[in-house]
């Protein structure tokens, strides 16, 4: 099992919803709770782009393209971060990656595909 494990991707109709989940099974609670967590996405031939980020204090920020539609949240007790995606559009099709920054070190999950 990798350090970050994503789940929840799949096929969705335009206007539909999905909830992505990222688990950090190998991380201890205290480390997870002070990590910056984020979701990125990537389509073939393009760079990986930031979708949403959440700090240890719970401050969030979003890409303009998803504001009002996506919500990032975290459950430190379960060592999980979530991405609730509503009103999905064809341009949201991508591989979504979970990301963690802790003490200046980056960690990536293997990604989960979201398709229309």
N, C-alpha and C. Protein backbone atom coordinates (compact mmCIF):
# COMPACT_ATOMS: atom_id res chain seq x y z
N UNK A 1 0.84 -1.19 0.00
CA UNK A 1 0.00 0.00 0.00
C UNK A 1 0.88 1.24 0.00
N UNK A 2 0.56 2.19 -0.91
CA UNK A 2 1.34 3.40 -0.99
C UNK A 2 1.04 4.34 0.14
N UNK A 3 1.81 5.43 0.23
CA UNK A 3 1.59 6.39 1.31
C UNK A 3 0.25 7.13 1.20
N UNK A 4 -0.23 7.33 -0.03
CA UNK A 4 -1.52 7.97 -0.26
C UNK A 4 -2.31 7.09 -1.22
N UNK A 5 -3.54 6.78 -0.84
CA UNK A 5 -4.36 5.87 -1.63
C UNK A 5 -5.67 6.56 -1.97
N UNK A 6 -5.88 6.82 -3.27
CA UNK A 6 -7.10 7.47 -3.71
C UNK A 6 -8.17 6.44 -4.06
N UNK A 7 -9.42 6.86 -3.92
CA UNK A 7 -10.55 6.04 -4.35
C UNK A 7 -11.72 6.96 -4.69
N UNK A 8 -12.71 6.38 -5.36
CA UNK A 8 -13.93 7.13 -5.62
C UNK A 8 -14.12 7.61 -7.04
N UNK A 9 -13.10 7.42 -7.87
CA UNK A 9 -13.25 7.83 -9.26
C UNK A 9 -14.20 6.91 -10.00
N UNK A 10 -14.54 7.30 -11.24
CA UNK A 10 -15.42 6.48 -12.04
C UNK A 10 -16.04 7.26 -13.16
N UNK A 11 -17.09 6.68 -13.70
CA UNK A 11 -17.81 7.29 -14.81
C UNK A 11 -19.01 8.05 -14.26
N UNK A 12 -19.19 9.26 -14.76
CA UNK A 12 -20.28 10.10 -14.26
C UNK A 12 -20.92 10.84 -15.41
N UNK A 13 -22.21 11.07 -15.30
CA UNK A 13 -22.94 11.85 -16.29
C UNK A 13 -22.68 13.33 -16.07
N UNK A 14 -22.70 14.14 -17.11
CA UNK A 14 -22.61 15.59 -16.91
C UNK A 14 -23.67 16.08 -15.92
N UNK A 15 -23.22 16.92 -15.00
CA UNK A 15 -24.12 17.39 -13.97
C UNK A 15 -24.18 16.51 -12.74
N UNK A 16 -23.50 15.37 -12.82
CA UNK A 16 -23.50 14.44 -11.71
C UNK A 16 -22.48 14.79 -10.64
N UNK A 17 -22.36 13.92 -9.65
CA UNK A 17 -21.47 14.15 -8.52
C UNK A 17 -20.62 12.92 -8.25
N UNK A 18 -19.45 13.16 -7.72
CA UNK A 18 -18.56 12.11 -7.23
C UNK A 18 -17.87 12.63 -5.99
N UNK A 19 -17.50 11.69 -5.13
CA UNK A 19 -16.70 12.04 -3.96
C UNK A 19 -15.43 11.22 -3.98
N UNK A 20 -14.31 11.91 -4.12
CA UNK A 20 -13.02 11.25 -4.07
C UNK A 20 -12.52 11.21 -2.63
N UNK A 21 -11.83 10.14 -2.32
CA UNK A 21 -11.26 9.98 -0.99
C UNK A 21 -9.79 9.64 -1.10
N UNK A 22 -9.01 10.18 -0.19
CA UNK A 22 -7.57 9.88 -0.14
C UNK A 22 -7.24 9.47 1.28
N UNK A 23 -6.72 8.27 1.41
CA UNK A 23 -6.32 7.75 2.72
C UNK A 23 -4.81 7.75 2.84
N UNK A 24 -4.35 7.94 4.06
CA UNK A 24 -2.91 7.94 4.34
C UNK A 24 -2.62 6.86 5.39
N UNK A 25 -2.70 5.60 4.99
CA UNK A 25 -2.65 4.51 5.97
C UNK A 25 -1.34 4.37 6.73
N UNK A 26 -0.26 4.85 6.11
CA UNK A 26 1.05 4.67 6.74
C UNK A 26 1.49 5.88 7.54
N UNK A 27 0.67 6.92 7.57
CA UNK A 27 1.05 8.15 8.23
C UNK A 27 0.48 8.16 9.64
N UNK A 28 1.26 8.62 10.60
CA UNK A 28 0.71 8.72 11.94
C UNK A 28 -0.17 9.96 12.03
N UNK A 29 -1.08 9.94 12.96
CA UNK A 29 -2.09 11.00 13.10
C UNK A 29 -1.45 12.37 13.22
N UNK A 30 -0.45 12.50 14.06
CA UNK A 30 0.14 13.81 14.33
C UNK A 30 0.78 14.39 13.08
N UNK A 31 1.36 13.54 12.27
CA UNK A 31 1.98 14.01 11.03
C UNK A 31 0.93 14.40 10.01
N UNK A 32 -0.10 13.58 9.87
CA UNK A 32 -1.16 13.90 8.93
C UNK A 32 -1.83 15.22 9.28
N UNK A 33 -2.10 15.43 10.55
CA UNK A 33 -2.87 16.61 10.94
C UNK A 33 -2.16 17.92 10.67
N UNK A 34 -0.84 17.90 10.53
CA UNK A 34 -0.12 19.14 10.24
C UNK A 34 0.35 19.21 8.80
N UNK A 35 -0.08 18.24 7.99
CA UNK A 35 0.30 18.24 6.57
C UNK A 35 -0.65 19.13 5.77
N UNK A 36 -0.11 19.74 4.74
CA UNK A 36 -0.93 20.39 3.73
C UNK A 36 -1.38 19.30 2.76
N UNK A 37 -2.66 19.24 2.48
CA UNK A 37 -3.21 18.23 1.59
C UNK A 37 -3.88 18.92 0.41
N UNK A 38 -3.86 18.24 -0.73
CA UNK A 38 -4.42 18.86 -1.93
C UNK A 38 -4.85 17.79 -2.92
N UNK A 39 -5.63 18.21 -3.87
CA UNK A 39 -5.99 17.41 -5.04
C UNK A 39 -5.51 18.13 -6.29
N UNK A 40 -4.88 17.38 -7.16
CA UNK A 40 -4.47 17.85 -8.48
C UNK A 40 -5.17 16.97 -9.52
N UNK A 41 -5.15 17.45 -10.75
CA UNK A 41 -5.65 16.62 -11.83
C UNK A 41 -4.81 16.82 -13.08
N UNK A 42 -4.84 15.79 -13.92
CA UNK A 42 -4.00 15.82 -15.12
C UNK A 42 -4.72 15.09 -16.25
N UNK A 43 -4.65 15.70 -17.43
CA UNK A 43 -5.14 15.05 -18.65
C UNK A 43 -3.93 14.76 -19.52
N UNK A 44 -4.04 13.78 -20.40
CA UNK A 44 -2.89 13.40 -21.24
C UNK A 44 -2.34 14.58 -22.02
N UNK A 45 -1.03 14.73 -21.98
CA UNK A 45 -0.38 15.78 -22.74
C UNK A 45 -0.34 17.13 -22.06
N UNK A 46 -0.91 17.21 -20.87
CA UNK A 46 -0.92 18.49 -20.16
C UNK A 46 -0.28 18.35 -18.79
N UNK A 47 0.03 19.49 -18.21
CA UNK A 47 0.63 19.49 -16.89
C UNK A 47 -0.41 19.14 -15.82
N UNK A 48 0.11 18.70 -14.69
CA UNK A 48 -0.75 18.42 -13.55
C UNK A 48 -1.13 19.76 -12.90
N UNK A 49 -2.42 19.99 -12.73
CA UNK A 49 -2.91 21.27 -12.22
C UNK A 49 -3.54 21.12 -10.84
N UNK A 50 -3.33 22.14 -10.03
CA UNK A 50 -3.95 22.16 -8.71
C UNK A 50 -5.46 22.35 -8.84
N UNK A 51 -6.21 21.52 -8.12
CA UNK A 51 -7.67 21.63 -8.09
C UNK A 51 -8.12 22.30 -6.80
N UNK A 52 -7.62 21.79 -5.67
CA UNK A 52 -8.03 22.31 -4.37
C UNK A 52 -6.96 21.97 -3.35
N UNK A 53 -6.83 22.82 -2.35
CA UNK A 53 -5.83 22.63 -1.31
C UNK A 53 -6.44 22.96 0.04
N UNK A 54 -6.00 22.25 1.08
CA UNK A 54 -6.47 22.51 2.43
C UNK A 54 -5.28 22.44 3.38
N UNK A 55 -5.16 23.47 4.20
CA UNK A 55 -4.05 23.53 5.14
C UNK A 55 -4.39 22.76 6.41
N UNK A 56 -3.41 22.69 7.30
CA UNK A 56 -3.64 22.02 8.58
C UNK A 56 -4.71 22.74 9.40
N UNK A 57 -4.84 24.04 9.17
CA UNK A 57 -5.85 24.82 9.90
C UNK A 57 -7.22 24.76 9.26
N UNK A 58 -7.30 24.10 8.11
CA UNK A 58 -8.59 23.98 7.43
C UNK A 58 -8.86 25.06 6.41
N UNK A 59 -7.90 25.92 6.16
CA UNK A 59 -8.06 26.94 5.12
C UNK A 59 -8.03 26.26 3.76
N UNK A 60 -8.95 26.67 2.90
CA UNK A 60 -9.04 26.04 1.58
C UNK A 60 -8.86 27.05 0.47
N UNK A 61 -8.45 26.54 -0.68
CA UNK A 61 -8.34 27.36 -1.87
C UNK A 61 -8.63 26.46 -3.07
N UNK A 62 -9.18 27.06 -4.12
CA UNK A 62 -9.63 26.28 -5.28
C UNK A 62 -9.19 26.92 -6.58
N UNK A 63 -9.03 26.07 -7.57
CA UNK A 63 -8.86 26.58 -8.94
C UNK A 63 -10.15 27.28 -9.35
N UNK A 64 -10.00 28.34 -10.14
CA UNK A 64 -11.18 29.09 -10.56
C UNK A 64 -12.21 28.21 -11.27
N UNK A 65 -11.72 27.23 -11.99
CA UNK A 65 -12.61 26.39 -12.80
C UNK A 65 -13.52 25.48 -11.96
N UNK A 66 -13.19 25.31 -10.68
CA UNK A 66 -14.00 24.41 -9.85
C UNK A 66 -14.68 25.12 -8.69
N UNK A 67 -14.42 26.40 -8.51
CA UNK A 67 -15.02 27.13 -7.40
C UNK A 67 -16.54 27.07 -7.47
N UNK A 68 -17.14 26.81 -6.32
CA UNK A 68 -18.59 26.69 -6.26
C UNK A 68 -19.12 25.32 -6.61
N UNK A 69 -18.26 24.45 -7.16
CA UNK A 69 -18.69 23.10 -7.53
C UNK A 69 -18.00 22.02 -6.72
N UNK A 70 -16.74 22.25 -6.38
CA UNK A 70 -15.94 21.26 -5.66
C UNK A 70 -15.69 21.74 -4.24
N UNK A 71 -15.60 20.78 -3.32
CA UNK A 71 -15.30 21.08 -1.93
C UNK A 71 -14.27 20.10 -1.41
N UNK A 72 -13.17 20.63 -0.88
CA UNK A 72 -12.15 19.80 -0.26
C UNK A 72 -12.36 19.82 1.25
N UNK A 73 -12.17 18.68 1.87
CA UNK A 73 -12.30 18.59 3.33
C UNK A 73 -11.33 17.54 3.84
N UNK A 74 -11.13 17.53 5.14
CA UNK A 74 -10.21 16.56 5.72
C UNK A 74 -10.79 16.06 7.04
N UNK A 75 -10.47 14.81 7.35
CA UNK A 75 -10.82 14.19 8.62
C UNK A 75 -9.52 13.69 9.22
N UNK A 76 -8.93 14.47 10.09
CA UNK A 76 -7.63 14.10 10.63
C UNK A 76 -7.70 12.82 11.45
N UNK A 77 -8.82 12.59 12.13
CA UNK A 77 -8.93 11.40 12.96
C UNK A 77 -8.91 10.13 12.12
N UNK A 78 -9.33 10.24 10.88
CA UNK A 78 -9.32 9.09 9.97
C UNK A 78 -8.17 9.16 8.98
N UNK A 79 -7.40 10.22 9.07
CA UNK A 79 -6.27 10.43 8.15
C UNK A 79 -6.74 10.36 6.71
N UNK A 80 -7.77 11.14 6.43
CA UNK A 80 -8.33 11.16 5.08
C UNK A 80 -8.59 12.59 4.63
N UNK A 81 -8.52 12.77 3.33
CA UNK A 81 -8.93 14.02 2.71
C UNK A 81 -9.90 13.67 1.58
N UNK A 82 -10.88 14.54 1.39
CA UNK A 82 -11.95 14.26 0.44
C UNK A 82 -12.07 15.38 -0.58
N UNK A 83 -12.61 15.04 -1.72
CA UNK A 83 -12.97 16.04 -2.73
C UNK A 83 -14.38 15.73 -3.19
N UNK A 84 -15.32 16.55 -2.76
CA UNK A 84 -16.70 16.43 -3.22
C UNK A 84 -16.83 17.22 -4.51
N UNK A 85 -17.23 16.55 -5.57
CA UNK A 85 -17.32 17.19 -6.89
C UNK A 85 -18.77 17.15 -7.34
N UNK A 86 -19.34 18.32 -7.51
CA UNK A 86 -20.73 18.44 -7.94
C UNK A 86 -20.80 19.12 -9.30
N UNK A 87 -21.92 18.94 -9.97
CA UNK A 87 -22.15 19.57 -11.26
C UNK A 87 -20.96 19.32 -12.21
N UNK A 88 -20.59 18.08 -12.30
CA UNK A 88 -19.42 17.72 -13.10
C UNK A 88 -19.65 17.99 -14.58
N UNK A 89 -18.60 18.43 -15.22
CA UNK A 89 -18.64 18.77 -16.64
C UNK A 89 -17.62 17.91 -17.40
N UNK A 90 -17.78 17.78 -18.70
CA UNK A 90 -16.82 16.98 -19.47
C UNK A 90 -15.37 17.42 -19.27
N UNK A 91 -15.16 18.70 -19.08
CA UNK A 91 -13.78 19.17 -18.90
C UNK A 91 -13.18 18.79 -17.55
N UNK A 92 -13.97 18.21 -16.68
CA UNK A 92 -13.44 17.70 -15.41
C UNK A 92 -12.84 16.30 -15.56
N UNK A 93 -12.99 15.71 -16.73
CA UNK A 93 -12.40 14.40 -16.99
C UNK A 93 -10.88 14.49 -16.85
N UNK A 94 -10.33 13.66 -15.99
CA UNK A 94 -8.89 13.69 -15.73
C UNK A 94 -8.54 12.57 -14.76
N UNK A 95 -7.26 12.38 -14.57
CA UNK A 95 -6.79 11.57 -13.45
C UNK A 95 -6.58 12.53 -12.27
N UNK A 96 -7.17 12.21 -11.16
CA UNK A 96 -7.08 13.05 -9.97
C UNK A 96 -6.08 12.44 -8.99
N UNK A 97 -5.16 13.28 -8.54
CA UNK A 97 -4.09 12.84 -7.66
C UNK A 97 -4.20 13.51 -6.29
N UNK A 98 -4.01 12.72 -5.27
CA UNK A 98 -3.90 13.25 -3.92
C UNK A 98 -2.45 13.66 -3.67
N UNK A 99 -2.27 14.74 -2.95
CA UNK A 99 -0.94 15.31 -2.70
C UNK A 99 -0.81 15.70 -1.23
N UNK A 100 0.38 15.50 -0.72
CA UNK A 100 0.67 15.91 0.64
C UNK A 100 1.99 16.64 0.69
N UNK A 101 2.05 17.71 1.43
CA UNK A 101 3.31 18.37 1.74
C UNK A 101 3.50 18.36 3.24
N UNK A 102 4.60 17.76 3.65
CA UNK A 102 4.93 17.71 5.07
C UNK A 102 6.41 18.01 5.22
N UNK A 103 6.70 19.04 5.98
CA UNK A 103 8.08 19.42 6.25
C UNK A 103 8.87 19.62 4.96
N UNK A 104 8.22 20.20 3.96
CA UNK A 104 8.89 20.49 2.71
C UNK A 104 8.99 19.34 1.74
N UNK A 105 8.47 18.19 2.11
CA UNK A 105 8.54 17.01 1.24
C UNK A 105 7.18 16.73 0.62
N UNK A 106 7.23 16.44 -0.69
CA UNK A 106 6.01 16.17 -1.45
C UNK A 106 5.78 14.67 -1.57
N UNK A 107 4.52 14.29 -1.46
CA UNK A 107 4.13 12.89 -1.67
C UNK A 107 2.88 12.87 -2.55
N UNK A 108 2.86 11.95 -3.49
CA UNK A 108 1.73 11.82 -4.42
C UNK A 108 1.11 10.44 -4.32
N UNK A 109 -0.20 10.42 -4.55
CA UNK A 109 -0.87 9.15 -4.72
C UNK A 109 -0.74 8.68 -6.15
N UNK A 110 -1.32 7.52 -6.44
CA UNK A 110 -1.22 6.94 -7.77
C UNK A 110 -2.31 7.44 -8.71
N UNK A 111 -3.30 8.11 -8.19
CA UNK A 111 -4.33 8.71 -9.03
C UNK A 111 -5.57 7.87 -9.17
N UNK A 112 -6.68 8.54 -9.42
CA UNK A 112 -7.95 7.87 -9.69
C UNK A 112 -8.61 8.58 -10.86
N UNK A 113 -9.13 7.80 -11.80
CA UNK A 113 -9.66 8.35 -13.04
C UNK A 113 -11.10 8.78 -12.86
N UNK A 114 -11.40 9.98 -13.36
CA UNK A 114 -12.78 10.47 -13.43
C UNK A 114 -13.10 10.67 -14.90
N UNK A 115 -14.16 10.01 -15.35
CA UNK A 115 -14.53 10.03 -16.76
C UNK A 115 -15.98 10.44 -16.96
N UNK A 116 -16.23 11.03 -18.13
CA UNK A 116 -17.61 11.28 -18.55
C UNK A 116 -17.89 10.42 -19.76
